[in-house]
Amino acid sequence: MIGLKMAFAAVQISAGLSAIGARLRAVADGERPATHSELHTLRTVQDDLSRAFARLTDVMCPELILFMLSGLLQLIALVMLTIGSVQSGTAGNHAASIVSYALGAAVAVALPCELSQLVLSAVGETRDLLLRPRWQRPELFQLLCLFRETVGRDLTALGDLGLFRLQRSTLLALAATVLTYVIVLFQFYITSPTGDGADLSQQQNWTASPANRTDG
């Protein structure tokens, strides 16, 4: 339910922001003249849409954090189950569990980040359009400055949940965290008394020890 609510809101908001970008592109390309009233309306709508998305993430912040935490745990379970089943040759028996973990991790971790990135990309497109040289017009200077400040604020604040930010780079950070976790577990496994690496090391030490040799 959390993913569906956020998906619906994010798609609608990003569609509105993209429409603003399309109108700004038409003005910047010279297809239509830039008027003070139109730019003021676009800035107001931009601000309203951004505030709506910010309020959405603020209200859903506790739910989103727990939702993504469950997805991260599913991602860890997916990696460990996949590695263990491949090593034991039972990947076919655990195929259903692997698919279930993969879908759960994708919905809980990747979906919120991609939806927030969709909104941020639309805001970034508006920022790029406002930075075009064609906008350097004295009569629109003050309004354009306010528009750029609004867009700049959105690029730095949207999707922020306090502990982390919903954006595509968060996926890379989570993947690095899981990889680090798996590497540490394998190190414990190799050096543990029941690990194959430890058994091999103990066997070599026992063989090389003079006390364990016989003169025959």
N, C-alpha and C. Protein backbone atom coordinates (compact mmCIF):
# COMPACT_ATOMS: atom_id res chain seq x y z
N MET A 1 0.82 -1.21 0.00
CA MET A 1 0.00 0.00 0.00
C MET A 1 0.86 1.27 0.00
N ILE A 2 1.96 1.23 0.75
CA ILE A 2 2.84 2.40 0.82
C ILE A 2 3.40 2.71 -0.56
N GLY A 3 3.87 1.65 -1.25
CA GLY A 3 4.43 1.86 -2.58
C GLY A 3 3.41 2.37 -3.57
N LEU A 4 2.17 1.87 -3.49
CA LEU A 4 1.13 2.32 -4.41
C LEU A 4 0.75 3.77 -4.17
N LYS A 5 0.63 4.16 -2.90
CA LYS A 5 0.29 5.55 -2.59
C LYS A 5 1.36 6.50 -3.11
N MET A 6 2.61 6.16 -2.83
CA MET A 6 3.69 7.04 -3.26
C MET A 6 3.83 7.05 -4.77
N ALA A 7 3.62 5.90 -5.39
CA ALA A 7 3.72 5.82 -6.85
C ALA A 7 2.68 6.71 -7.51
N PHE A 8 1.45 6.65 -7.04
CA PHE A 8 0.39 7.48 -7.62
C PHE A 8 0.71 8.96 -7.48
N ALA A 9 1.11 9.36 -6.26
CA ALA A 9 1.40 10.78 -6.01
C ALA A 9 2.62 11.25 -6.80
N ALA A 10 3.67 10.43 -6.82
CA ALA A 10 4.90 10.84 -7.50
C ALA A 10 4.69 10.96 -9.00
N VAL A 11 3.94 10.06 -9.59
CA VAL A 11 3.69 10.12 -11.03
C VAL A 11 2.89 11.37 -11.38
N GLN A 12 1.87 11.67 -10.57
CA GLN A 12 1.06 12.86 -10.83
C GLN A 12 1.88 14.14 -10.68
N ILE A 13 2.70 14.22 -9.63
CA ILE A 13 3.50 15.42 -9.39
C ILE A 13 4.57 15.57 -10.47
N SER A 14 5.22 14.49 -10.83
CA SER A 14 6.24 14.58 -11.88
C SER A 14 5.63 14.95 -13.23
N ALA A 15 4.39 14.51 -13.48
CA ALA A 15 3.72 14.91 -14.73
C ALA A 15 3.45 16.41 -14.74
N GLY A 16 3.04 16.96 -13.59
CA GLY A 16 2.84 18.41 -13.51
C GLY A 16 4.13 19.18 -13.68
N LEU A 17 5.21 18.69 -13.08
CA LEU A 17 6.51 19.36 -13.22
C LEU A 17 7.03 19.27 -14.65
N SER A 18 6.77 18.15 -15.30
CA SER A 18 7.18 18.00 -16.70
C SER A 18 6.40 18.96 -17.61
N ALA A 19 5.12 19.18 -17.28
CA ALA A 19 4.33 20.13 -18.06
C ALA A 19 4.89 21.55 -17.91
N ILE A 20 5.33 21.90 -16.69
CA ILE A 20 5.96 23.20 -16.48
C ILE A 20 7.24 23.30 -17.30
N GLY A 21 8.01 22.22 -17.32
CA GLY A 21 9.23 22.22 -18.11
C GLY A 21 8.95 22.37 -19.59
N ALA A 22 7.88 21.75 -20.07
CA ALA A 22 7.54 21.87 -21.49
C ALA A 22 7.16 23.31 -21.86
N ARG A 23 6.43 23.99 -20.99
CA ARG A 23 6.06 25.38 -21.26
C ARG A 23 7.28 26.29 -21.19
N LEU A 24 8.18 26.02 -20.25
CA LEU A 24 9.41 26.82 -20.18
C LEU A 24 10.29 26.59 -21.40
N ARG A 25 10.31 25.36 -21.90
CA ARG A 25 11.13 25.06 -23.08
C ARG A 25 10.59 25.80 -24.30
N ALA A 26 9.27 25.89 -24.41
CA ALA A 26 8.67 26.61 -25.53
C ALA A 26 9.04 28.09 -25.48
N VAL A 27 9.06 28.65 -24.27
CA VAL A 27 9.44 30.05 -24.13
C VAL A 27 10.92 30.24 -24.40
N ALA A 28 11.75 29.34 -23.86
CA ALA A 28 13.20 29.46 -24.03
C ALA A 28 13.62 29.27 -25.48
N ASP A 29 12.89 28.45 -26.22
CA ASP A 29 13.22 28.21 -27.63
C ASP A 29 12.67 29.29 -28.54
N GLY A 30 11.97 30.26 -27.99
CA GLY A 30 11.44 31.35 -28.80
C GLY A 30 10.13 31.06 -29.48
N GLU A 31 9.47 29.95 -29.12
CA GLU A 31 8.20 29.62 -29.74
C GLU A 31 7.07 30.52 -29.25
N ARG A 32 7.25 31.09 -28.06
CA ARG A 32 6.25 31.98 -27.51
C ARG A 32 6.96 32.99 -26.61
N PRO A 33 6.51 34.22 -26.53
CA PRO A 33 7.19 35.22 -25.70
C PRO A 33 6.96 34.96 -24.21
N ALA A 34 7.95 35.33 -23.42
CA ALA A 34 7.86 35.16 -21.98
C ALA A 34 7.14 36.36 -21.37
N THR A 35 6.09 36.10 -20.62
CA THR A 35 5.35 37.16 -19.95
C THR A 35 5.49 37.02 -18.44
N HIS A 36 5.36 38.15 -17.76
CA HIS A 36 5.51 38.14 -16.31
C HIS A 36 4.43 37.29 -15.65
N SER A 37 3.21 37.39 -16.11
CA SER A 37 2.10 36.65 -15.50
C SER A 37 2.25 35.14 -15.69
N GLU A 38 2.70 34.73 -16.88
CA GLU A 38 2.87 33.31 -17.12
C GLU A 38 3.98 32.73 -16.26
N LEU A 39 5.10 33.43 -16.18
CA LEU A 39 6.20 32.94 -15.35
C LEU A 39 5.81 32.90 -13.88
N HIS A 40 5.04 33.89 -13.44
CA HIS A 40 4.58 33.89 -12.06
C HIS A 40 3.68 32.69 -11.79
N THR A 41 2.81 32.38 -12.74
CA THR A 41 1.93 31.22 -12.59
C THR A 41 2.71 29.92 -12.55
N LEU A 42 3.69 29.80 -13.44
CA LEU A 42 4.51 28.59 -13.47
C LEU A 42 5.30 28.42 -12.19
N ARG A 43 5.84 29.51 -11.66
CA ARG A 43 6.59 29.42 -10.40
C ARG A 43 5.68 29.02 -9.25
N THR A 44 4.47 29.55 -9.23
CA THR A 44 3.52 29.21 -8.17
C THR A 44 3.13 27.74 -8.22
N VAL A 45 2.86 27.26 -9.44
CA VAL A 45 2.50 25.85 -9.59
C VAL A 45 3.69 24.96 -9.23
N GLN A 46 4.89 25.35 -9.65
CA GLN A 46 6.10 24.60 -9.30
C GLN A 46 6.25 24.50 -7.78
N ASP A 47 6.06 25.61 -7.11
CA ASP A 47 6.20 25.64 -5.66
C ASP A 47 5.13 24.77 -5.00
N ASP A 48 3.90 24.82 -5.49
CA ASP A 48 2.82 24.02 -4.92
C ASP A 48 3.07 22.52 -5.09
N LEU A 49 3.52 22.12 -6.28
CA LEU A 49 3.80 20.71 -6.52
C LEU A 49 4.95 20.21 -5.67
N SER A 50 5.98 21.02 -5.54
CA SER A 50 7.12 20.62 -4.72
C SER A 50 6.74 20.50 -3.25
N ARG A 51 5.95 21.44 -2.77
CA ARG A 51 5.50 21.38 -1.39
C ARG A 51 4.61 20.16 -1.15
N ALA A 52 3.80 19.82 -2.13
CA ALA A 52 2.94 18.64 -2.00
C ALA A 52 3.77 17.38 -1.86
N PHE A 53 4.83 17.24 -2.67
CA PHE A 53 5.69 16.07 -2.57
C PHE A 53 6.47 16.07 -1.26
N ALA A 54 6.91 17.25 -0.82
CA ALA A 54 7.63 17.33 0.45
C ALA A 54 6.73 16.94 1.61
N ARG A 55 5.48 17.41 1.60
CA ARG A 55 4.55 17.02 2.66
C ARG A 55 4.26 15.53 2.63
N LEU A 56 4.18 14.97 1.43
CA LEU A 56 3.93 13.53 1.31
C LEU A 56 5.05 12.73 1.96
N THR A 57 6.29 13.06 1.64
CA THR A 57 7.41 12.32 2.22
C THR A 57 7.55 12.59 3.72
N ASP A 58 7.20 13.78 4.18
CA ASP A 58 7.26 14.07 5.61
C ASP A 58 6.24 13.24 6.38
N VAL A 59 5.03 13.18 5.86
CA VAL A 59 3.98 12.41 6.54
C VAL A 59 4.28 10.91 6.52
N MET A 60 4.82 10.44 5.40
CA MET A 60 5.10 9.01 5.26
C MET A 60 6.50 8.63 5.72
N CYS A 61 7.23 9.56 6.32
CA CYS A 61 8.62 9.30 6.68
C CYS A 61 8.80 8.05 7.55
N PRO A 62 8.09 7.91 8.68
CA PRO A 62 8.28 6.68 9.49
C PRO A 62 7.94 5.42 8.72
N GLU A 63 6.85 5.45 7.95
CA GLU A 63 6.46 4.27 7.19
C GLU A 63 7.48 3.95 6.10
N LEU A 64 7.99 4.99 5.44
CA LEU A 64 8.97 4.76 4.38
C LEU A 64 10.27 4.18 4.93
N ILE A 65 10.70 4.68 6.09
CA ILE A 65 11.93 4.16 6.68
C ILE A 65 11.78 2.69 7.04
N LEU A 66 10.68 2.33 7.70
CA LEU A 66 10.44 0.92 8.05
C LEU A 66 10.26 0.07 6.79
N PHE A 67 9.58 0.62 5.80
CA PHE A 67 9.35 -0.09 4.55
C PHE A 67 10.67 -0.41 3.85
N MET A 68 11.55 0.59 3.78
CA MET A 68 12.83 0.37 3.12
C MET A 68 13.76 -0.50 3.97
N LEU A 69 13.62 -0.43 5.29
CA LEU A 69 14.41 -1.31 6.15
C LEU A 69 14.03 -2.77 5.92
N SER A 70 12.74 -3.03 5.80
CA SER A 70 12.31 -4.40 5.49
C SER A 70 12.84 -4.85 4.13
N GLY A 71 12.87 -3.92 3.17
CA GLY A 71 13.42 -4.26 1.87
C GLY A 71 14.92 -4.54 1.92
N LEU A 72 15.63 -3.80 2.77
CA LEU A 72 17.06 -4.04 2.92
C LEU A 72 17.32 -5.41 3.54
N LEU A 73 16.51 -5.79 4.52
CA LEU A 73 16.65 -7.12 5.12
C LEU A 73 16.34 -8.21 4.10
N GLN A 74 15.35 -7.98 3.26
CA GLN A 74 15.05 -8.94 2.20
C GLN A 74 16.19 -9.03 1.20
N LEU A 75 16.84 -7.90 0.94
CA LEU A 75 17.97 -7.91 0.01
C LEU A 75 19.12 -8.72 0.59
N ILE A 76 19.39 -8.55 1.89
CA ILE A 76 20.44 -9.34 2.53
C ILE A 76 20.09 -10.82 2.50
N ALA A 77 18.84 -11.14 2.82
CA ALA A 77 18.42 -12.54 2.78
C ALA A 77 18.52 -13.11 1.37
N LEU A 78 18.21 -12.29 0.37
CA LEU A 78 18.31 -12.73 -1.03
C LEU A 78 19.74 -13.09 -1.38
N VAL A 79 20.68 -12.22 -1.02
CA VAL A 79 22.08 -12.47 -1.35
C VAL A 79 22.59 -13.72 -0.65
N MET A 80 22.29 -13.84 0.65
CA MET A 80 22.78 -14.98 1.41
C MET A 80 22.15 -16.28 0.93
N LEU A 81 20.85 -16.25 0.66
CA LEU A 81 20.18 -17.46 0.18
C LEU A 81 20.69 -17.87 -1.19
N THR A 82 20.91 -16.89 -2.05
CA THR A 82 21.43 -17.21 -3.39
C THR A 82 22.81 -17.84 -3.31
N ILE A 83 23.69 -17.24 -2.52
CA ILE A 83 25.05 -17.78 -2.39
C ILE A 83 25.02 -19.17 -1.77
N GLY A 84 24.24 -19.33 -0.69
CA GLY A 84 24.18 -20.62 -0.02
C GLY A 84 23.60 -21.72 -0.89
N SER A 85 22.54 -21.39 -1.64
CA SER A 85 21.93 -22.40 -2.50
C SER A 85 22.82 -22.78 -3.67
N VAL A 86 23.58 -21.80 -4.19
CA VAL A 86 24.51 -22.11 -5.27
C VAL A 86 25.64 -23.00 -4.77
N GLN A 87 26.16 -22.70 -3.58
CA GLN A 87 27.23 -23.52 -3.02
C GLN A 87 26.78 -24.95 -2.73
N SER A 88 25.55 -25.09 -2.25
CA SER A 88 25.05 -26.41 -1.90
C SER A 88 24.39 -27.13 -3.08
N GLY A 89 24.24 -26.43 -4.20
CA GLY A 89 23.63 -27.05 -5.37
C GLY A 89 22.13 -27.22 -5.27
N THR A 90 21.48 -26.42 -4.43
CA THR A 90 20.03 -26.53 -4.25
C THR A 90 19.31 -25.26 -4.71
N ALA A 91 19.87 -24.59 -5.71
CA ALA A 91 19.27 -23.35 -6.19
C ALA A 91 17.87 -23.56 -6.73
N GLY A 92 17.62 -24.71 -7.35
CA GLY A 92 16.29 -24.99 -7.88
C GLY A 92 15.25 -25.12 -6.80
N ASN A 93 15.64 -25.68 -5.67
CA ASN A 93 14.69 -25.87 -4.58
C ASN A 93 14.30 -24.55 -3.93
N HIS A 94 15.20 -23.56 -3.98
CA HIS A 94 14.95 -22.27 -3.34
C HIS A 94 14.57 -21.19 -4.35
N ALA A 95 14.23 -21.58 -5.57
CA ALA A 95 13.93 -20.60 -6.62
C ALA A 95 12.76 -19.71 -6.23
N ALA A 96 11.71 -20.31 -5.65
CA ALA A 96 10.53 -19.52 -5.28
C ALA A 96 10.87 -18.49 -4.20
N SER A 97 11.67 -18.89 -3.22
CA SER A 97 12.07 -17.97 -2.15
C SER A 97 12.96 -16.86 -2.69
N ILE A 98 13.85 -17.21 -3.61
CA ILE A 98 14.75 -16.21 -4.20
C ILE A 98 13.94 -15.17 -4.97
N VAL A 99 12.98 -15.62 -5.76
CA VAL A 99 12.14 -14.69 -6.52
C VAL A 99 11.31 -13.81 -5.58
N SER A 100 10.79 -14.41 -4.51
CA SER A 100 9.99 -13.65 -3.55
C SER A 100 10.82 -12.56 -2.88
N TYR A 101 12.03 -12.90 -2.45
CA TYR A 101 12.93 -11.92 -1.83
C TYR A 101 13.32 -10.83 -2.83
N ALA A 102 13.56 -11.21 -4.07
CA ALA A 102 13.96 -10.24 -5.09
C ALA A 102 12.84 -9.24 -5.35
N LEU A 103 11.61 -9.73 -5.48
CA LEU A 103 10.48 -8.83 -5.71
C LEU A 103 10.24 -7.92 -4.50
N GLY A 104 10.33 -8.48 -3.31
CA GLY A 104 10.14 -7.68 -2.10
C GLY A 104 11.18 -6.59 -1.97
N ALA A 105 12.44 -6.92 -2.24
CA ALA A 105 13.50 -5.92 -2.16
C ALA A 105 13.35 -4.85 -3.22
N ALA A 106 12.93 -5.25 -4.42
CA ALA A 106 12.76 -4.27 -5.51
C ALA A 106 11.65 -3.28 -5.18
N VAL A 107 10.54 -3.78 -4.65
CA VAL A 107 9.41 -2.90 -4.34
C VAL A 107 9.73 -1.99 -3.15
N ALA A 108 10.35 -2.54 -2.13
CA ALA A 108 10.57 -1.79 -0.89
C ALA A 108 11.77 -0.85 -0.96
N VAL A 109 12.77 -1.17 -1.77
CA VAL A 109 13.99 -0.36 -1.81
C VAL A 109 14.08 0.46 -3.09
N ALA A 110 13.95 -0.21 -4.23
CA ALA A 110 14.17 0.49 -5.50
C ALA A 110 13.01 1.40 -5.87
N LEU A 111 11.78 0.99 -5.60
CA LEU A 111 10.62 1.76 -6.04
C LEU A 111 10.57 3.16 -5.42
N PRO A 112 10.69 3.33 -4.09
CA PRO A 112 10.66 4.70 -3.54
C PRO A 112 11.78 5.58 -4.08
N CYS A 113 12.97 5.02 -4.24
CA CYS A 113 14.09 5.81 -4.75
C CYS A 113 13.86 6.24 -6.19
N GLU A 114 13.35 5.35 -7.01
CA GLU A 114 13.12 5.67 -8.40
C GLU A 114 11.99 6.69 -8.56
N LEU A 115 10.96 6.59 -7.72
CA LEU A 115 9.86 7.56 -7.79
C LEU A 115 10.33 8.95 -7.39
N SER A 116 11.13 9.03 -6.33
CA SER A 116 11.67 10.32 -5.92
C SER A 116 12.63 10.87 -6.97
N GLN A 117 13.41 9.99 -7.60
CA GLN A 117 14.32 10.42 -8.66
C GLN A 117 13.55 10.94 -9.85
N LEU A 118 12.37 10.40 -10.10
CA LEU A 118 11.52 10.89 -11.19
C LEU A 118 11.13 12.35 -10.97
N VAL A 119 10.76 12.67 -9.73
CA VAL A 119 10.41 14.05 -9.39
C VAL A 119 11.64 14.95 -9.46
N LEU A 120 12.76 14.48 -8.93
CA LEU A 120 13.99 15.28 -8.95
C LEU A 120 14.48 15.53 -10.37
N SER A 121 14.30 14.57 -11.25
CA SER A 121 14.72 14.76 -12.64
C SER A 121 13.88 15.83 -13.31
N ALA A 122 12.57 15.86 -13.02
CA ALA A 122 11.71 16.90 -13.59
C ALA A 122 12.10 18.28 -13.06
N VAL A 123 12.43 18.36 -11.78
CA VAL A 123 12.88 19.64 -11.21
C VAL A 123 14.22 20.05 -11.81
N GLY A 124 15.11 19.09 -12.00
CA GLY A 124 16.40 19.40 -12.60
C GLY A 124 16.28 19.89 -14.03
N GLU A 125 15.31 19.36 -14.76
CA GLU A 125 15.09 19.84 -16.13
C GLU A 125 14.62 21.30 -16.12
N THR A 126 13.77 21.64 -15.16
CA THR A 126 13.33 23.03 -15.03
C THR A 126 14.51 23.94 -14.69
N ARG A 127 15.38 23.48 -13.81
CA ARG A 127 16.56 24.28 -13.45
C ARG A 127 17.45 24.52 -14.67
N ASP A 128 17.65 23.50 -15.48
CA ASP A 128 18.49 23.66 -16.67
C ASP A 128 17.87 24.65 -17.66
N LEU A 129 16.55 24.61 -17.78
CA LEU A 129 15.89 25.54 -18.69
C LEU A 129 16.01 26.98 -18.21
N LEU A 130 15.91 27.19 -16.90
CA LEU A 130 16.00 28.54 -16.36
C LEU A 130 17.41 29.12 -16.44
N LEU A 131 18.40 28.27 -16.63
CA LEU A 131 19.78 28.73 -16.72
C LEU A 131 20.21 29.06 -18.15
N ARG A 132 19.31 28.93 -19.10
CA ARG A 132 19.67 29.24 -20.48
C ARG A 132 19.90 30.75 -20.63
N PRO A 133 20.84 31.13 -21.51
CA PRO A 133 21.14 32.57 -21.69
C PRO A 133 19.95 33.38 -22.18
N ARG A 134 19.01 32.76 -22.87
CA ARG A 134 17.87 33.49 -23.42
C ARG A 134 17.04 34.16 -22.32
N TRP A 135 17.17 33.67 -21.06
CA TRP A 135 16.37 34.22 -19.99
C TRP A 135 16.94 35.51 -19.41
N GLN A 136 18.09 35.97 -19.88
CA GLN A 136 18.69 37.18 -19.33
C GLN A 136 17.95 38.43 -19.82
N ARG A 137 16.81 38.69 -19.20
CA ARG A 137 15.99 39.85 -19.56
C ARG A 137 15.77 40.70 -18.32
N PRO A 138 16.10 41.98 -18.36
CA PRO A 138 16.03 42.84 -17.17
C PRO A 138 14.64 42.91 -16.55
N GLU A 139 13.59 42.95 -17.38
CA GLU A 139 12.25 43.11 -16.83
C GLU A 139 11.76 41.87 -16.09
N LEU A 140 12.42 40.73 -16.34
CA LEU A 140 12.04 39.49 -15.67
C LEU A 140 13.08 39.03 -14.65
N PHE A 141 14.04 39.88 -14.37
CA PHE A 141 15.17 39.46 -13.54
C PHE A 141 14.72 39.01 -12.15
N GLN A 142 13.92 39.80 -11.46
CA GLN A 142 13.52 39.48 -10.09
C GLN A 142 12.68 38.20 -10.03
N LEU A 143 11.74 38.07 -10.96
CA LEU A 143 10.89 36.87 -10.97
C LEU A 143 11.70 35.62 -11.29
N LEU A 144 12.65 35.75 -12.23
CA LEU A 144 13.48 34.59 -12.57
C LEU A 144 14.38 34.19 -11.41
N CYS A 145 14.86 35.17 -10.65
CA CYS A 145 15.67 34.86 -9.47
C CYS A 145 14.86 34.07 -8.45
N LEU A 146 13.62 34.48 -8.23
CA LEU A 146 12.75 33.75 -7.31
C LEU A 146 12.46 32.34 -7.82
N PHE A 147 12.26 32.22 -9.12
CA PHE A 147 11.99 30.91 -9.72
C PHE A 147 13.20 29.99 -9.54
N ARG A 148 14.40 30.51 -9.80
CA ARG A 148 15.61 29.70 -9.64
C ARG A 148 15.83 29.31 -8.19
N GLU A 149 15.54 30.21 -7.26
CA GLU A 149 15.69 29.88 -5.84
C GLU A 149 14.73 28.76 -5.43
N THR A 150 13.51 28.83 -5.95
CA THR A 150 12.53 27.78 -5.66
C THR A 150 13.00 26.43 -6.18
N VAL A 151 13.47 26.42 -7.41
CA VAL A 151 13.93 25.16 -8.01
C VAL A 151 15.18 24.65 -7.30
N GLY A 152 16.12 25.55 -6.97
CA GLY A 152 17.32 25.13 -6.26
C GLY A 152 17.01 24.54 -4.90
N ARG A 153 16.05 25.14 -4.19
CA ARG A 153 15.64 24.60 -2.90
C ARG A 153 15.06 23.20 -3.05
N ASP A 154 14.26 23.00 -4.09
CA ASP A 154 13.65 21.70 -4.30
C ASP A 154 14.69 20.63 -4.60
N LEU A 155 15.71 20.98 -5.38
CA LEU A 155 16.74 20.00 -5.73
C LEU A 155 17.54 19.54 -4.52
N THR A 156 17.67 20.38 -3.52
CA THR A 156 18.45 20.02 -2.34
C THR A 156 17.60 19.44 -1.21
N ALA A 157 16.28 19.59 -1.26
CA ALA A 157 15.44 19.19 -0.13
C ALA A 157 14.47 18.05 -0.44
N LEU A 158 14.03 17.92 -1.66
CA LEU A 158 13.00 16.92 -1.97
C LEU A 158 13.54 15.50 -1.77
N GLY A 159 12.72 14.67 -1.16
CA GLY A 159 13.08 13.27 -0.94
C GLY A 159 13.92 13.02 0.29
N ASP A 160 14.17 14.04 1.09
CA ASP A 160 15.00 13.88 2.28
C ASP A 160 14.16 13.31 3.42
N LEU A 161 14.57 12.17 3.95
CA LEU A 161 13.85 11.54 5.06
C LEU A 161 14.59 11.69 6.38
N GLY A 162 15.62 12.49 6.42
CA GLY A 162 16.38 12.68 7.64
C GLY A 162 17.55 11.71 7.74
N LEU A 163 17.27 10.41 7.78
CA LEU A 163 18.34 9.41 7.86
C LEU A 163 19.03 9.21 6.51
N PHE A 164 18.30 9.35 5.44
CA PHE A 164 18.83 9.21 4.09
C PHE A 164 17.90 9.95 3.14
N ARG A 165 18.30 10.01 1.88
CA ARG A 165 17.51 10.71 0.87
C ARG A 165 17.07 9.75 -0.21
N LEU A 166 15.84 9.90 -0.62
CA LEU A 166 15.30 9.05 -1.67
C LEU A 166 15.78 9.55 -3.02
N GLN A 167 16.78 8.87 -3.57
CA GLN A 167 17.28 9.17 -4.89
C GLN A 167 18.04 7.95 -5.40
N ARG A 168 18.42 7.98 -6.65
CA ARG A 168 19.02 6.79 -7.26
C ARG A 168 20.36 6.43 -6.64
N SER A 169 21.11 7.42 -6.20
CA SER A 169 22.40 7.13 -5.60
C SER A 169 22.26 6.37 -4.28
N THR A 170 21.09 6.46 -3.64
CA THR A 170 20.86 5.71 -2.41
C THR A 170 20.89 4.21 -2.67
N LEU A 171 20.43 3.80 -3.84
CA LEU A 171 20.48 2.38 -4.19
C LEU A 171 21.91 1.87 -4.23
N LEU A 172 22.82 2.68 -4.79
CA LEU A 172 24.23 2.29 -4.83
C LEU A 172 24.81 2.19 -3.42
N ALA A 173 24.43 3.13 -2.55
CA ALA A 173 24.91 3.10 -1.18
C ALA A 173 24.40 1.85 -0.45
N LEU A 174 23.14 1.51 -0.65
CA LEU A 174 22.59 0.31 -0.01
C LEU A 174 23.25 -0.96 -0.55
N ALA A 175 23.49 -0.99 -1.86
CA ALA A 175 24.17 -2.16 -2.44
C ALA A 175 25.57 -2.31 -1.88
N ALA A 176 26.28 -1.19 -1.69
CA ALA A 176 27.62 -1.24 -1.10
C ALA A 176 27.56 -1.73 0.35
N THR A 177 26.53 -1.32 1.08
CA THR A 177 26.37 -1.77 2.46
C THR A 177 26.14 -3.27 2.53
N VAL A 178 25.25 -3.76 1.67
CA VAL A 178 24.98 -5.20 1.65
C VAL A 178 26.22 -5.98 1.25
N LEU A 179 26.95 -5.49 0.27
CA LEU A 179 28.17 -6.17 -0.17
C LEU A 179 29.19 -6.23 0.96
N THR A 180 29.33 -5.12 1.69
CA THR A 180 30.24 -5.12 2.84
C THR A 180 29.80 -6.14 3.87
N TYR A 181 28.52 -6.20 4.15
CA TYR A 181 27.96 -7.15 5.11
C TYR A 181 28.28 -8.59 4.69
N VAL A 182 28.09 -8.89 3.41
CA VAL A 182 28.34 -10.24 2.91
C VAL A 182 29.82 -10.59 3.01
N ILE A 183 30.69 -9.63 2.67
CA ILE A 183 32.14 -9.87 2.76
C ILE A 183 32.55 -10.17 4.19
N VAL A 184 32.01 -9.42 5.15
CA VAL A 184 32.33 -9.66 6.56
C VAL A 184 31.86 -11.04 6.99
N LEU A 185 30.67 -11.44 6.57
CA LEU A 185 30.17 -12.77 6.92
C LEU A 185 31.05 -13.88 6.35
N PHE A 186 31.52 -13.69 5.11
CA PHE A 186 32.39 -14.70 4.52
C PHE A 186 33.74 -14.76 5.23
N GLN A 187 34.21 -13.62 5.69
CA GLN A 187 35.45 -13.63 6.46
C GLN A 187 35.28 -14.40 7.76
N PHE A 188 34.15 -14.21 8.43
CA PHE A 188 33.88 -14.98 9.64
C PHE A 188 33.74 -16.47 9.33
N TYR A 189 33.12 -16.77 8.19
CA TYR A 189 32.94 -18.17 7.81
C TYR A 189 34.28 -18.84 7.53
N ILE A 190 35.17 -18.12 6.84
CA ILE A 190 36.46 -18.71 6.48
C ILE A 190 37.32 -18.96 7.71
N THR A 191 37.26 -18.02 8.66
CA THR A 191 38.11 -18.12 9.85
C THR A 191 37.45 -18.85 11.01
N SER A 192 36.20 -19.30 10.85
CA SER A 192 35.51 -19.98 11.94
C SER A 192 36.03 -21.41 12.07
N PRO A 193 35.91 -22.03 13.27
CA PRO A 193 36.40 -23.40 13.46
C PRO A 193 35.70 -24.43 12.59
N THR A 194 34.47 -24.15 12.20
CA THR A 194 33.74 -25.10 11.36
C THR A 194 33.87 -24.82 9.88
N GLY A 195 34.56 -23.71 9.52
CA GLY A 195 34.71 -23.37 8.11
C GLY A 195 35.73 -24.24 7.42
N ASP A 196 35.60 -24.41 6.12
CA ASP A 196 36.53 -25.24 5.36
C ASP A 196 37.93 -24.69 5.42
N GLY A 197 38.04 -23.33 5.39
CA GLY A 197 39.36 -22.72 5.44
C GLY A 197 40.06 -23.01 6.74
N ALA A 198 39.31 -22.99 7.85
CA ALA A 198 39.90 -23.27 9.15
C ALA A 198 40.30 -24.73 9.25
N ASP A 199 39.47 -25.66 8.74
CA ASP A 199 39.80 -27.08 8.78
C ASP A 199 41.07 -27.35 8.00
N LEU A 200 41.20 -26.71 6.83
CA LEU A 200 42.39 -26.91 6.02
C LEU A 200 43.62 -26.38 6.73
N SER A 201 43.50 -25.22 7.37
CA SER A 201 44.62 -24.65 8.09
C SER A 201 45.04 -25.53 9.26
N GLN A 202 44.04 -26.06 10.01
CA GLN A 202 44.35 -26.93 11.13
C GLN A 202 44.99 -28.22 10.67
N GLN A 203 44.53 -28.76 9.54
CA GLN A 203 45.10 -29.99 9.00
C GLN A 203 46.55 -29.77 8.58
N GLN A 204 46.85 -28.63 7.96
CA GLN A 204 48.22 -28.35 7.56
C GLN A 204 49.12 -28.18 8.78
N ASN A 205 48.64 -27.49 9.82
CA ASN A 205 49.44 -27.32 11.03
C ASN A 205 49.68 -28.65 11.72
N TRP A 206 48.68 -29.52 11.75
CA TRP A 206 48.83 -30.82 12.40
C TRP A 206 49.85 -31.68 11.66
N THR A 207 49.80 -31.61 10.33
CA THR A 207 50.72 -32.41 9.52
C THR A 207 52.14 -31.91 9.67
N ALA A 208 52.32 -30.59 9.75
CA ALA A 208 53.66 -30.01 9.82
C ALA A 208 54.25 -30.09 11.22
N SER A 209 53.47 -30.41 12.25
CA SER A 209 53.96 -30.42 13.61
C SER A 209 54.85 -31.62 13.85
N PRO A 210 56.06 -31.44 14.44
CA PRO A 210 56.98 -32.58 14.69
C PRO A 210 56.38 -33.57 15.65
N ALA A 211 55.55 -33.12 16.57
CA ALA A 211 54.99 -34.04 17.57
C ALA A 211 54.04 -35.03 16.95
N ASN A 212 53.48 -34.71 15.79
CA ASN A 212 52.53 -35.59 15.16
C ASN A 212 53.17 -36.47 14.11
N ARG A 213 54.47 -36.39 13.92
CA ARG A 213 55.15 -37.24 12.95
C ARG A 213 55.61 -38.53 13.60
N THR A 214 55.65 -39.62 12.89
CA THR A 214 56.16 -40.92 13.36
C THR A 214 57.41 -41.28 12.61
N ASP A 215 58.33 -41.90 13.30
CA ASP A 215 59.60 -42.25 12.65
C ASP A 215 59.47 -43.43 11.74
N GLY A 216 58.34 -44.11 11.84
CA GLY A 216 58.14 -45.28 10.98
C GLY A 216 59.05 -46.39 11.39
